[in-house]
Amino acid sequence: MSKLSQSVFNKLLFNLCYPFLFGDSFADTGNLAKSNLSRESHQWYSPYGSSRLSGRPTGRFSDGFVQSDLVGRILGRSEAPIAYRLRAKDYAEASGVNFAVAGAGVYEAAAPHRASTLAKQIYSVRKMVEGGTVTKWQLKNSVALIAISGNDYAGMSNTSTDGMQILSLAGNVTGEIAKGVRRLQKLGVSMVFVNALHPLGCTPPHTRASNYTVCDSPKGNAPAYYHNQKLKEKLDPAHSDNVSVVDLYAAFSSIINPSDSHTHPQVAKQFTHKLKPCCESVDPSGYCGQVDEDGGAQYSVCSNPEKHFFWDDVHPTQAGWEAVMEQLERDIKDFLDISN
């Protein structure tokens, strides 16, 4: 087969993949509905989305694209599949469906607004299957991403240094994720990616005390360490053929907290601000996009988001996500047995 023919063939293979996306704000592209400006809805307000071509917010927690969009690109699409809430009723888009909701975890208490859990999101796809809007052919050719990014640990990471307590919670959280994987497989989903937890101790709330110079390790990163250890134990032995862990911990760390400064990947060199957020509230307990009663901005925004890894206190910039997923793209394509 010629190189041109191989390229066309690979593109067709990409487009045959039917993606399902689950999880939280790392993947959400509009499932958490817009409401009056608040901590839970600020992704629908300026300055979110400011780096997109449209220059407007789209419900994504970033200045532009988020992880699910980059997964869509890897699968040959321009962005993530349509948000479940925004799709036409009883109709499954050919590009897949995104069920992720910001704030979600495996436990309902993880999200103050109780918007969703992983189990509820998987139940939504089950209803689509039972209703016939997702076909057996789509399931057979499907790829799922589970992006659970630490909401279940939100309280513990700041208040507890008890390793056994964190380890116990990590076992429970990863156990629920493993159950979710099995439910998807039982429905007929072919291949499943599961995010490892990123280094929570390197996010801006943990680095602010050092003026954004060092990560809070090992205390701040303990939940991620235990979570990833348990996740590997629960997924690898029984599901090694069709489940793959996406190592966000390594991909984030290689940019913002490398063990050896000489091992920075090339994509890391563009970031002059690795721990300081681009958009920051004037109030340490506030949020990006917050305004006062008169509508005055209570936050500042950098002039060069492409040089910041973090957009706000939790989420990477579009440039940050591109640098992360560039490191992981080859492994993802190898797992799917697709080359280009």
C-alpha atoms as a PDB file:
ATOM      1  CA  MET A   1       0.000   0.000   0.000  1.00  0.00           C
ATOM      2  CA  SER A   2       1.376   3.448  -0.911  1.00  0.00           C
ATOM      3  CA  LYS A   3       2.046   6.041   1.803  1.00  0.00           C
ATOM      4  CA  LEU A   4      -0.872   8.109   0.482  1.00  0.00           C
ATOM      5  CA  SER A   5      -3.216   5.103   0.487  1.00  0.00           C
ATOM      6  CA  GLN A   6      -2.040   4.155   3.986  1.00  0.00           C
ATOM      7  CA  SER A   7      -2.758   7.702   5.166  1.00  0.00           C
ATOM      8  CA  VAL A   8      -6.286   7.603   3.748  1.00  0.00           C
ATOM      9  CA  PHE A   9      -6.854   4.146   5.245  1.00  0.00           C
ATOM     10  CA  ASN A  10      -5.702   5.311   8.687  1.00  0.00           C
ATOM     11  CA  LYS A  11      -8.000   8.318   8.511  1.00  0.00           C
ATOM     12  CA  LEU A  12     -10.927   6.020   7.759  1.00  0.00           C
ATOM     13  CA  LEU A  13      -9.996   3.854  10.738  1.00  0.00           C
ATOM     14  CA  PHE A  14      -9.942   6.931  12.990  1.00  0.00           C
ATOM     15  CA  ASN A  15     -13.398   7.955  11.844  1.00  0.00           C
ATOM     16  CA  LEU A  16     -14.784   4.471  12.527  1.00  0.00           C
ATOM     17  CA  CYS A  17     -13.917   4.891  16.222  1.00  0.00           C
ATOM     18  CA  TYR A  18     -17.050   5.942  18.110  1.00  0.00           C
ATOM     19  CA  PRO A  19     -15.906   7.800  21.246  1.00  0.00           C
ATOM     20  CA  PHE A  20     -17.736   7.973  24.578  1.00  0.00           C
ATOM     21  CA  LEU A  21     -16.330  10.422  27.125  1.00  0.00           C
ATOM     22  CA  PHE A  22     -17.008  10.279  30.867  1.00  0.00           C
ATOM     23  CA  GLY A  23     -15.755  12.152  33.890  1.00  0.00           C
ATOM     24  CA  ASP A  24     -15.401  15.721  35.081  1.00  0.00           C
ATOM     25  CA  SER A  25     -14.125  19.147  33.990  1.00  0.00           C
ATOM     26  CA  PHE A  26     -11.051  17.705  32.263  1.00  0.00           C
ATOM     27  CA  ALA A  27     -13.489  16.346  29.663  1.00  0.00           C
ATOM     28  CA  ASP A  28     -16.695  18.427  30.027  1.00  0.00           C
ATOM     29  CA  THR A  29     -17.560  20.485  26.925  1.00  0.00           C
ATOM     30  CA  GLY A  30     -20.890  21.919  28.033  1.00  0.00           C
ATOM     31  CA  ASN A  31     -22.818  19.355  30.082  1.00  0.00           C
ATOM     32  CA  LEU A  32     -22.853  21.500  33.216  1.00  0.00           C
ATOM     33  CA  ALA A  33     -25.613  23.919  32.278  1.00  0.00           C
ATOM     34  CA  LYS A  34     -25.117  27.682  32.231  1.00  0.00           C
ATOM     35  CA  SER A  35     -26.570  29.636  35.146  1.00  0.00           C
ATOM     36  CA  ASN A  36     -25.885  32.924  36.906  1.00  0.00           C
ATOM     37  CA  LEU A  37     -22.168  33.509  37.394  1.00  0.00           C
ATOM     38  CA  SER A  38     -20.839  31.459  40.297  1.00  0.00           C
ATOM     39  CA  ARG A  39     -17.984  29.115  41.143  1.00  0.00           C
ATOM     40  CA  GLU A  40     -19.962  26.256  39.551  1.00  0.00           C
ATOM     41  CA  SER A  41     -20.861  28.080  36.316  1.00  0.00           C
ATOM     42  CA  HIS A  42     -17.955  30.447  35.622  1.00  0.00           C
ATOM     43  CA  GLN A  43     -16.790  28.311  32.671  1.00  0.00           C
ATOM     44  CA  TRP A  44     -19.670  29.880  30.716  1.00  0.00           C
ATOM     45  CA  TYR A  45     -18.334  33.410  31.273  1.00  0.00           C
ATOM     46  CA  SER A  46     -15.335  35.508  30.217  1.00  0.00           C
ATOM     47  CA  PRO A  47     -12.390  35.012  30.206  1.00  0.00           C
ATOM     48  CA  TYR A  48     -13.021  31.287  29.572  1.00  0.00           C
ATOM     49  CA  GLY A  49     -12.761  30.365  25.898  1.00  0.00           C
ATOM     50  CA  SER A  50     -10.823  33.541  25.109  1.00  0.00           C
ATOM     51  CA  SER A  51      -8.154  31.713  23.087  1.00  0.00           C
ATOM     52  CA  ARG A  52     -10.639  29.843  20.890  1.00  0.00           C
ATOM     53  CA  LEU A  53     -11.263  31.038  17.355  1.00  0.00           C
ATOM     54  CA  SER A  54     -14.717  32.198  18.445  1.00  0.00           C
ATOM     55  CA  GLY A  55     -13.252  33.999  21.459  1.00  0.00           C
ATOM     56  CA  ARG A  56     -16.231  33.042  23.589  1.00  0.00           C
ATOM     57  CA  PRO A  57     -16.916  30.592  26.439  1.00  0.00           C
ATOM     58  CA  THR A  58     -18.305  27.171  25.485  1.00  0.00           C
ATOM     59  CA  GLY A  59     -18.630  25.521  28.901  1.00  0.00           C
ATOM     60  CA  ARG A  60     -15.030  24.290  28.829  1.00  0.00           C
ATOM     61  CA  PHE A  61     -12.762  24.884  31.827  1.00  0.00           C
ATOM     62  CA  SER A  62      -9.928  26.415  29.807  1.00  0.00           C
ATOM     63  CA  ASP A  63      -9.009  29.297  27.556  1.00  0.00           C
ATOM     64  CA  GLY A  64      -9.617  26.911  24.664  1.00  0.00           C
ATOM     65  CA  PHE A  65      -9.671  23.145  24.283  1.00  0.00           C
ATOM     66  CA  VAL A  66      -9.631  20.578  27.101  1.00  0.00           C
ATOM     67  CA  GLN A  67      -8.403  16.976  27.258  1.00  0.00           C
ATOM     68  CA  SER A  68     -11.450  15.488  25.542  1.00  0.00           C
ATOM     69  CA  ASP A  69     -10.911  17.788  22.540  1.00  0.00           C
ATOM     70  CA  LEU A  70      -7.352  16.572  22.190  1.00  0.00           C
ATOM     71  CA  VAL A  71      -8.572  12.960  22.383  1.00  0.00           C
ATOM     72  CA  GLY A  72     -10.974  13.865  19.575  1.00  0.00           C
ATOM     73  CA  ARG A  73      -8.046  15.180  17.532  1.00  0.00           C
ATOM     74  CA  ILE A  74      -6.093  11.966  18.089  1.00  0.00           C
ATOM     75  CA  LEU A  75      -9.113  10.079  16.723  1.00  0.00           C
ATOM     76  CA  GLY A  76      -9.135  12.233  13.594  1.00  0.00           C
ATOM     77  CA  ARG A  77     -11.777  14.774  14.645  1.00  0.00           C
ATOM     78  CA  SER A  78     -11.495  18.515  15.108  1.00  0.00           C
ATOM     79  CA  GLU A  79     -12.631  18.464  18.755  1.00  0.00           C
ATOM     80  CA  ALA A  80     -14.513  16.406  21.340  1.00  0.00           C
ATOM     81  CA  PRO A  81     -17.840  14.752  20.501  1.00  0.00           C
ATOM     82  CA  ILE A  82     -20.949  16.783  21.285  1.00  0.00           C
ATOM     83  CA  ALA A  83     -21.996  17.180  24.928  1.00  0.00           C
ATOM     84  CA  TYR A  84     -24.818  14.803  25.900  1.00  0.00           C
ATOM     85  CA  ARG A  85     -26.932  17.743  27.122  1.00  0.00           C
ATOM     86  CA  LEU A  86     -26.568  19.591  23.806  1.00  0.00           C
ATOM     87  CA  ARG A  87     -27.261  16.755  21.383  1.00  0.00           C
ATOM     88  CA  ALA A  88     -30.547  16.344  19.543  1.00  0.00           C
ATOM     89  CA  LYS A  89     -32.925  14.200  21.618  1.00  0.00           C
ATOM     90  CA  ASP A  90     -32.899  10.485  20.804  1.00  0.00           C
ATOM     91  CA  TYR A  91     -30.115  10.997  18.311  1.00  0.00           C
ATOM     92  CA  ALA A  92     -26.523   9.822  18.591  1.00  0.00           C
ATOM     93  CA  GLU A  93     -24.061  12.006  16.753  1.00  0.00           C
ATOM     94  CA  ALA A  94     -21.779  10.178  14.326  1.00  0.00           C
ATOM     95  CA  SER A  95     -18.789  11.718  16.105  1.00  0.00           C
ATOM     96  CA  GLY A  96     -19.701  10.163  19.470  1.00  0.00           C
ATOM     97  CA  VAL A  97     -21.132  11.529  22.727  1.00  0.00           C
ATOM     98  CA  ASN A  98     -19.550  13.331  25.684  1.00  0.00           C
ATOM     99  CA  PHE A  99     -21.184  12.555  29.055  1.00  0.00           C
ATOM    100  CA  ALA A 100     -18.584  14.263  31.283  1.00  0.00           C
ATOM    101  CA  VAL A 101     -19.874  16.826  33.805  1.00  0.00           C
ATOM    102  CA  ALA A 102     -17.656  19.255  35.702  1.00  0.00           C
ATOM    103  CA  GLY A 103     -17.369  18.431  39.393  1.00  0.00           C
ATOM    104  CA  ALA A 104     -18.223  14.777  38.955  1.00  0.00           C
ATOM    105  CA  GLY A 105     -16.574  11.962  40.885  1.00  0.00           C
ATOM    106  CA  VAL A 106     -17.469   8.407  41.694  1.00  0.00           C
ATOM    107  CA  TYR A 107     -19.395   9.617  44.750  1.00  0.00           C
ATOM    108  CA  GLU A 108     -22.254  12.088  44.622  1.00  0.00           C
ATOM    109  CA  ALA A 109     -20.884  14.115  47.527  1.00  0.00           C
ATOM    110  CA  ALA A 110     -17.837  14.986  45.419  1.00  0.00           C
ATOM    111  CA  ALA A 111     -19.893  17.559  43.483  1.00  0.00           C
ATOM    112  CA  PRO A 112     -21.556  20.268  45.612  1.00  0.00           C
ATOM    113  CA  HIS A 113     -24.186  20.766  42.905  1.00  0.00           C
ATOM    114  CA  ARG A 114     -24.739  16.964  42.733  1.00  0.00           C
ATOM    115  CA  ALA A 115     -24.707  17.207  38.964  1.00  0.00           C
ATOM    116  CA  SER A 116     -23.448  13.770  38.159  1.00  0.00           C
ATOM    117  CA  THR A 117     -21.386  10.724  39.053  1.00  0.00           C
ATOM    118  CA  LEU A 118     -19.524   8.284  36.858  1.00  0.00           C
ATOM    119  CA  ALA A 119     -22.258   5.698  37.426  1.00  0.00           C
ATOM    120  CA  LYS A 120     -24.979   8.161  36.337  1.00  0.00           C
ATOM    121  CA  GLN A 121     -23.049   9.020  33.186  1.00  0.00           C
ATOM    122  CA  ILE A 122     -22.676   5.363  32.285  1.00  0.00           C
ATOM    123  CA  TYR A 123     -26.384   4.877  32.941  1.00  0.00           C
ATOM    124  CA  SER A 124     -27.054   7.618  30.361  1.00  0.00           C
ATOM    125  CA  VAL A 125     -25.239   5.685  27.648  1.00  0.00           C
ATOM    126  CA  ARG A 126     -27.024   2.525  28.751  1.00  0.00           C
ATOM    127  CA  LYS A 127     -30.357   4.290  28.150  1.00  0.00           C
ATOM    128  CA  MET A 128     -29.200   5.286  24.686  1.00  0.00           C
ATOM    129  CA  VAL A 129     -28.279   1.673  23.952  1.00  0.00           C
ATOM    130  CA  GLU A 130     -31.612   0.368  25.266  1.00  0.00           C
ATOM    131  CA  GLY A 131     -33.472   3.020  23.264  1.00  0.00           C
ATOM    132  CA  GLY A 132     -31.664   2.105  20.070  1.00  0.00           C
ATOM    133  CA  THR A 133     -29.913   5.449  19.526  1.00  0.00           C
ATOM    134  CA  VAL A 134     -26.554   3.731  20.002  1.00  0.00           C
ATOM    135  CA  THR A 135     -26.206   0.638  17.831  1.00  0.00           C
ATOM    136  CA  LYS A 136     -24.317  -2.627  18.374  1.00  0.00           C
ATOM    137  CA  TRP A 137     -22.007  -1.621  15.499  1.00  0.00           C
ATOM    138  CA  GLN A 138     -21.140   1.635  17.275  1.00  0.00           C
ATOM    139  CA  LEU A 139     -20.474  -0.222  20.527  1.00  0.00           C
ATOM    140  CA  LYS A 140     -18.254  -2.727  18.745  1.00  0.00           C
ATOM    141  CA  ASN A 141     -16.197   0.126  17.308  1.00  0.00           C
ATOM    142  CA  SER A 142     -16.295   2.335  20.382  1.00  0.00           C
ATOM    143  CA  VAL A 143     -13.551   3.919  22.465  1.00  0.00           C
ATOM    144  CA  ALA A 144     -14.253   5.297  25.943  1.00  0.00           C
ATOM    145  CA  LEU A 145     -12.299   7.729  28.119  1.00  0.00           C
ATOM    146  CA  ILE A 146     -12.918   7.941  31.877  1.00  0.00           C
ATOM    147  CA  ALA A 147     -11.522  11.212  33.242  1.00  0.00           C
ATOM    148  CA  ILE A 148     -11.946  11.223  37.036  1.00  0.00           C
ATOM    149  CA  SER A 149      -9.585  13.923  38.256  1.00  0.00           C
ATOM    150  CA  GLY A 150      -9.692  14.096  42.046  1.00  0.00           C
ATOM    151  CA  ASN A 151     -13.010  15.578  43.172  1.00  0.00           C
ATOM    152  CA  ASP A 152     -13.503  12.632  45.525  1.00  0.00           C
ATOM    153  CA  TYR A 153     -10.299  13.622  47.339  1.00  0.00           C
ATOM    154  CA  ALA A 154     -10.986  17.374  47.498  1.00  0.00           C
ATOM    155  CA  GLY A 155     -11.513  17.575  51.260  1.00  0.00           C
ATOM    156  CA  MET A 156      -9.001  14.958  52.272  1.00  0.00           C
ATOM    157  CA  SER A 157      -5.993  16.317  50.414  1.00  0.00           C
ATOM    158  CA  ASN A 158      -6.129  19.530  52.439  1.00  0.00           C
ATOM    159  CA  THR A 159      -6.996  18.150  55.870  1.00  0.00           C
ATOM    160  CA  SER A 160      -5.481  14.696  56.195  1.00  0.00           C
ATOM    161  CA  THR A 161      -1.927  13.387  56.355  1.00  0.00           C
ATOM    162  CA  ASP A 162      -3.033   9.897  57.361  1.00  0.00           C
ATOM    163  CA  GLY A 163      -1.641   7.629  54.668  1.00  0.00           C
ATOM    164  CA  MET A 164      -3.858   4.708  55.636  1.00  0.00           C
ATOM    165  CA  GLN A 165      -6.982   6.885  55.408  1.00  0.00           C
ATOM    166  CA  ILE A 166      -6.000   8.158  51.974  1.00  0.00           C
ATOM    167  CA  LEU A 167      -5.098   4.641  50.859  1.00  0.00           C
ATOM    168  CA  SER A 168      -8.504   3.361  51.991  1.00  0.00           C
ATOM    169  CA  LEU A 169     -10.335   6.093  50.072  1.00  0.00           C
ATOM    170  CA  ALA A 170      -8.156   5.480  47.024  1.00  0.00           C
ATOM    171  CA  GLY A 171      -9.099   1.817  47.127  1.00  0.00           C
ATOM    172  CA  ASN A 172     -12.800   2.702  47.228  1.00  0.00           C
ATOM    173  CA  VAL A 173     -12.588   5.342  44.469  1.00  0.00           C
ATOM    174  CA  THR A 174     -10.582   3.154  42.093  1.00  0.00           C
ATOM    175  CA  GLY A 175     -12.875   0.240  42.898  1.00  0.00           C
ATOM    176  CA  GLU A 176     -15.823   2.308  41.655  1.00  0.00           C
ATOM    177  CA  ILE A 177     -13.881   3.265  38.527  1.00  0.00           C
ATOM    178  CA  ALA A 178     -13.147  -0.417  37.876  1.00  0.00           C
ATOM    179  CA  LYS A 179     -16.866  -1.161  38.258  1.00  0.00           C
ATOM    180  CA  GLY A 180     -17.564   1.541  35.693  1.00  0.00           C
ATOM    181  CA  VAL A 181     -15.114  -0.069  33.285  1.00  0.00           C
ATOM    182  CA  ARG A 182     -16.844  -3.434  33.691  1.00  0.00           C
ATOM    183  CA  ARG A 183     -20.259  -1.859  33.097  1.00  0.00           C
ATOM    184  CA  LEU A 184     -19.016  -0.296  29.871  1.00  0.00           C
ATOM    185  CA  GLN A 185     -17.546  -3.584  28.756  1.00  0.00           C
ATOM    186  CA  LYS A 186     -20.800  -5.366  29.556  1.00  0.00           C
ATOM    187  CA  LEU A 187     -22.636  -2.848  27.365  1.00  0.00           C
ATOM    188  CA  GLY A 188     -20.256  -3.721  24.550  1.00  0.00           C
ATOM    189  CA  VAL A 189     -17.752  -0.842  24.611  1.00  0.00           C
ATOM    190  CA  SER A 190     -14.656  -2.152  22.892  1.00  0.00           C
ATOM    191  CA  MET A 191     -11.701  -0.186  24.271  1.00  0.00           C
ATOM    192  CA  VAL A 192     -11.465   1.888  27.473  1.00  0.00           C
ATOM    193  CA  PHE A 193      -8.929   4.504  28.521  1.00  0.00           C
ATOM    194  CA  VAL A 194      -8.808   5.547  32.187  1.00  0.00           C
ATOM    195  CA  ASN A 195      -6.951   8.649  33.341  1.00  0.00           C
ATOM    196  CA  ALA A 196      -4.379   8.267  36.067  1.00  0.00           C
ATOM    197  CA  LEU A 197      -4.628  11.088  38.597  1.00  0.00           C
ATOM    198  CA  HIS A 198      -2.371  14.066  37.872  1.00  0.00           C
ATOM    199  CA  PRO A 199      -0.044  15.492  40.589  1.00  0.00           C
ATOM    200  CA  LEU A 200      -2.583  17.357  42.715  1.00  0.00           C
ATOM    201  CA  GLY A 201       0.182  18.856  44.862  1.00  0.00           C
ATOM    202  CA  CYS A 202       1.473  20.775  41.842  1.00  0.00           C
ATOM    203  CA  THR A 203      -1.790  22.644  41.178  1.00  0.00           C
ATOM    204  CA  PRO A 204      -1.785  26.392  41.987  1.00  0.00           C
ATOM    205  CA  PRO A 205      -3.611  26.161  45.358  1.00  0.00           C
ATOM    206  CA  HIS A 206      -0.759  23.944  46.570  1.00  0.00           C
ATOM    207  CA  THR A 207       2.059  26.016  45.071  1.00  0.00           C
ATOM    208  CA  ARG A 208       0.750  29.496  45.952  1.00  0.00           C
ATOM    209  CA  ALA A 209       2.411  29.503  49.383  1.00  0.00           C
ATOM    210  CA  SER A 210       5.827  29.182  47.715  1.00  0.00           C
ATOM    211  CA  ASN A 211       4.972  31.912  45.203  1.00  0.00           C
ATOM    212  CA  TYR A 212       4.432  29.191  42.583  1.00  0.00           C
ATOM    213  CA  THR A 213       7.960  27.854  42.788  1.00  0.00           C
ATOM    214  CA  VAL A 214       7.632  24.289  44.136  1.00  0.00           C
ATOM    215  CA  CYS A 215       5.027  21.531  44.361  1.00  0.00           C
ATOM    216  CA  ASP A 216       3.563  20.461  47.694  1.00  0.00           C
ATOM    217  CA  SER A 217       5.156  17.022  47.824  1.00  0.00           C
ATOM    218  CA  PRO A 218       4.744  14.435  49.169  1.00  0.00           C
ATOM    219  CA  LYS A 219       1.691  15.563  51.175  1.00  0.00           C
ATOM    220  CA  GLY A 220      -0.206  17.215  48.333  1.00  0.00           C
ATOM    221  CA  ASN A 221       0.549  14.433  45.890  1.00  0.00           C
ATOM    222  CA  ALA A 222      -0.249  11.560  48.270  1.00  0.00           C
ATOM    223  CA  PRO A 223      -3.856  11.070  47.016  1.00  0.00           C
ATOM    224  CA  ALA A 224      -2.604  10.849  43.409  1.00  0.00           C
ATOM    225  CA  TYR A 225       0.162   8.422  44.357  1.00  0.00           C
ATOM    226  CA  TYR A 226      -2.163   6.045  46.205  1.00  0.00           C
ATOM    227  CA  HIS A 227      -4.939   6.437  43.625  1.00  0.00           C
ATOM    228  CA  ASN A 228      -2.658   5.527  40.736  1.00  0.00           C
ATOM    229  CA  GLN A 229      -1.179   2.596  42.630  1.00  0.00           C
ATOM    230  CA  LYS A 230      -4.637   1.173  43.327  1.00  0.00           C
ATOM    231  CA  LEU A 231      -5.893   1.951  39.828  1.00  0.00           C
ATOM    232  CA  LYS A 232      -3.103  -0.099  38.292  1.00  0.00           C
ATOM    233  CA  GLU A 233      -3.805  -2.990  40.680  1.00  0.00           C
ATOM    234  CA  LYS A 234      -7.509  -3.061  39.865  1.00  0.00           C
ATOM    235  CA  LEU A 235      -7.291  -2.632  36.095  1.00  0.00           C
ATOM    236  CA  ASP A 236      -4.107  -4.262  34.852  1.00  0.00           C
ATOM    237  CA  PRO A 237      -4.472  -7.930  35.831  1.00  0.00           C
ATOM    238  CA  ALA A 238      -8.025  -8.571  34.609  1.00  0.00           C
ATOM    239  CA  HIS A 239      -8.411  -6.093  31.747  1.00  0.00           C
ATOM    240  CA  SER A 240      -4.980  -5.703  30.177  1.00  0.00           C
ATOM    241  CA  ASP A 241      -6.152  -6.458  26.646  1.00  0.00           C
ATOM    242  CA  ASN A 242      -8.747  -3.725  26.226  1.00  0.00           C
ATOM    243  CA  VAL A 243      -8.158  -1.209  29.050  1.00  0.00           C
ATOM    244  CA  SER A 244      -5.292   1.281  29.178  1.00  0.00           C
ATOM    245  CA  VAL A 245      -4.311   3.795  31.858  1.00  0.00           C
ATOM    246  CA  VAL A 246      -3.538   7.278  30.508  1.00  0.00           C
ATOM    247  CA  ASP A 247      -0.550   8.388  32.582  1.00  0.00           C
ATOM    248  CA  LEU A 248      -1.427  12.020  33.245  1.00  0.00           C
ATOM    249  CA  TYR A 249       0.806  11.950  36.330  1.00  0.00           C
ATOM    250  CA  ALA A 250       3.941  11.372  34.273  1.00  0.00           C
ATOM    251  CA  ALA A 251       2.883  13.717  31.458  1.00  0.00           C
ATOM    252  CA  PHE A 252       2.083  16.596  33.843  1.00  0.00           C
ATOM    253  CA  SER A 253       5.182  15.967  35.980  1.00  0.00           C
ATOM    254  CA  SER A 254       7.573  15.958  33.041  1.00  0.00           C
ATOM    255  CA  ILE A 255       6.529  19.548  32.387  1.00  0.00           C
ATOM    256  CA  ILE A 256       5.850  21.060  35.810  1.00  0.00           C
ATOM    257  CA  ASN A 257       7.779  18.885  38.288  1.00  0.00           C
ATOM    258  CA  PRO A 258      10.503  16.875  36.563  1.00  0.00           C
ATOM    259  CA  SER A 259      12.811  14.791  38.748  1.00  0.00           C
ATOM    260  CA  ASP A 260      15.636  15.754  36.428  1.00  0.00           C
ATOM    261  CA  SER A 261      15.616  19.215  34.866  1.00  0.00           C
ATOM    262  CA  HIS A 262      17.489  17.801  31.864  1.00  0.00           C
ATOM    263  CA  THR A 263      14.620  15.441  30.991  1.00  0.00           C
ATOM    264  CA  HIS A 264      12.119  18.163  30.091  1.00  0.00           C
ATOM    265  CA  PRO A 265      10.359  17.145  26.878  1.00  0.00           C
ATOM    266  CA  GLN A 266      10.655  19.614  24.038  1.00  0.00           C
ATOM    267  CA  VAL A 267       6.997  20.596  24.478  1.00  0.00           C
ATOM    268  CA  ALA A 268       7.732  21.770  28.043  1.00  0.00           C
ATOM    269  CA  LYS A 269      10.189  24.450  26.989  1.00  0.00           C
ATOM    270  CA  GLN A 270       7.484  26.846  25.820  1.00  0.00           C
ATOM    271  CA  PHE A 271       6.153  27.294  29.375  1.00  0.00           C
ATOM    272  CA  THR A 272       7.808  30.098  31.289  1.00  0.00           C
ATOM    273  CA  HIS A 273       5.115  29.789  33.978  1.00  0.00           C
ATOM    274  CA  LYS A 274       4.672  26.154  34.952  1.00  0.00           C
ATOM    275  CA  LEU A 275       2.905  26.498  38.317  1.00  0.00           C
ATOM    276  CA  LYS A 276       1.381  29.989  38.230  1.00  0.00           C
ATOM    277  CA  PRO A 277      -2.132  30.197  36.701  1.00  0.00           C
ATOM    278  CA  CYS A 278      -2.847  32.500  33.799  1.00  0.00           C
ATOM    279  CA  CYS A 279      -6.209  33.553  35.266  1.00  0.00           C
ATOM    280  CA  GLU A 280      -6.129  34.275  38.989  1.00  0.00           C
ATOM    281  CA  SER A 281      -8.633  35.734  41.428  1.00  0.00           C
ATOM    282  CA  VAL A 282      -7.558  38.639  43.630  1.00  0.00           C
ATOM    283  CA  ASP A 283      -9.079  36.620  46.498  1.00  0.00           C
ATOM    284  CA  PRO A 284      -7.218  33.351  47.253  1.00  0.00           C
ATOM    285  CA  SER A 285     -10.591  31.730  47.937  1.00  0.00           C
ATOM    286  CA  GLY A 286     -12.184  33.235  44.823  1.00  0.00           C
ATOM    287  CA  TYR A 287     -12.233  31.982  41.236  1.00  0.00           C
ATOM    288  CA  CYS A 288     -11.251  32.998  37.728  1.00  0.00           C
ATOM    289  CA  GLY A 289     -13.981  35.161  36.197  1.00  0.00           C
ATOM    290  CA  GLN A 290     -15.365  36.405  39.524  1.00  0.00           C
ATOM    291  CA  VAL A 291     -16.858  39.917  39.531  1.00  0.00           C
ATOM    292  CA  ASP A 292     -18.076  42.263  42.254  1.00  0.00           C
ATOM    293  CA  GLU A 293     -21.601  43.625  42.657  1.00  0.00           C
ATOM    294  CA  ASP A 294     -20.898  46.322  40.073  1.00  0.00           C
ATOM    295  CA  GLY A 295     -19.540  43.857  37.549  1.00  0.00           C
ATOM    296  CA  GLY A 296     -15.918  44.778  38.154  1.00  0.00           C
ATOM    297  CA  ALA A 297     -13.394  42.034  37.504  1.00  0.00           C
ATOM    298  CA  GLN A 298     -11.997  40.427  40.644  1.00  0.00           C
ATOM    299  CA  TYR A 299      -9.338  38.540  38.723  1.00  0.00           C
ATOM    300  CA  SER A 300      -6.384  39.096  36.430  1.00  0.00           C
ATOM    301  CA  VAL A 301      -5.540  37.346  33.163  1.00  0.00           C
ATOM    302  CA  CYS A 302      -2.088  36.918  31.679  1.00  0.00           C
ATOM    303  CA  SER A 303      -1.359  38.278  28.217  1.00  0.00           C
ATOM    304  CA  ASN A 304       0.293  35.056  27.016  1.00  0.00           C
ATOM    305  CA  PRO A 305      -1.685  31.941  28.027  1.00  0.00           C
ATOM    306  CA  GLU A 306       0.407  29.813  25.666  1.00  0.00           C
ATOM    307  CA  LYS A 307       3.339  30.320  28.084  1.00  0.00           C
ATOM    308  CA  HIS A 308       1.339  29.194  31.140  1.00  0.00           C
ATOM    309  CA  PHE A 309       0.709  25.524  31.826  1.00  0.00           C
ATOM    310  CA  PHE A 310      -2.247  26.233  34.136  1.00  0.00           C
ATOM    311  CA  TRP A 311      -5.206  28.319  33.060  1.00  0.00           C
ATOM    312  CA  ASP A 312      -6.848  28.581  36.514  1.00  0.00           C
ATOM    313  CA  ASP A 313      -6.351  26.932  39.899  1.00  0.00           C
ATOM    314  CA  VAL A 314      -7.162  23.450  38.589  1.00  0.00           C
ATOM    315  CA  HIS A 315      -7.149  23.224  34.810  1.00  0.00           C
ATOM    316  CA  PRO A 316      -4.422  23.473  32.155  1.00  0.00           C
ATOM    317  CA  THR A 317      -4.492  25.992  29.358  1.00  0.00           C
ATOM    318  CA  GLN A 318      -5.151  24.720  25.856  1.00  0.00           C
ATOM    319  CA  ALA A 319      -1.367  24.888  25.327  1.00  0.00           C
ATOM    320  CA  GLY A 320      -0.906  22.857  28.513  1.00  0.00           C
ATOM    321  CA  TRP A 321      -3.299  20.161  27.363  1.00  0.00           C
ATOM    322  CA  GLU A 322      -1.644  20.049  23.939  1.00  0.00           C
ATOM    323  CA  ALA A 323       1.758  19.508  25.581  1.00  0.00           C
ATOM    324  CA  VAL A 324       0.357  16.754  27.820  1.00  0.00           C
ATOM    325  CA  MET A 325      -1.467  14.885  25.076  1.00  0.00           C
ATOM    326  CA  GLU A 326       1.440  15.202  22.648  1.00  0.00           C
ATOM    327  CA  GLN A 327       3.425  13.031  25.056  1.00  0.00           C
ATOM    328  CA  LEU A 328       0.605  10.474  25.310  1.00  0.00           C
ATOM    329  CA  GLU A 329      -0.588  10.362  21.689  1.00  0.00           C
ATOM    330  CA  ARG A 330       1.774   7.608  20.541  1.00  0.00           C
ATOM    331  CA  ASP A 331       0.770   5.299  23.411  1.00  0.00           C
ATOM    332  CA  ILE A 332      -2.917   5.909  22.717  1.00  0.00           C
ATOM    333  CA  LYS A 333      -2.546   5.132  19.013  1.00  0.00           C
ATOM    334  CA  ASP A 334      -0.447   2.046  19.753  1.00  0.00           C
ATOM    335  CA  PHE A 335      -3.130   0.760  22.135  1.00  0.00           C
ATOM    336  CA  LEU A 336      -5.749   1.255  19.418  1.00  0.00           C
ATOM    337  CA  ASP A 337      -3.413  -0.386  16.896  1.00  0.00           C
ATOM    338  CA  ILE A 338      -3.595   2.629  14.604  1.00  0.00           C
ATOM    339  CA  SER A 339      -0.503   4.153  13.039  1.00  0.00           C
ATOM    340  CA  ASN A 340       0.067   7.267  10.999  1.00  0.00           C
END
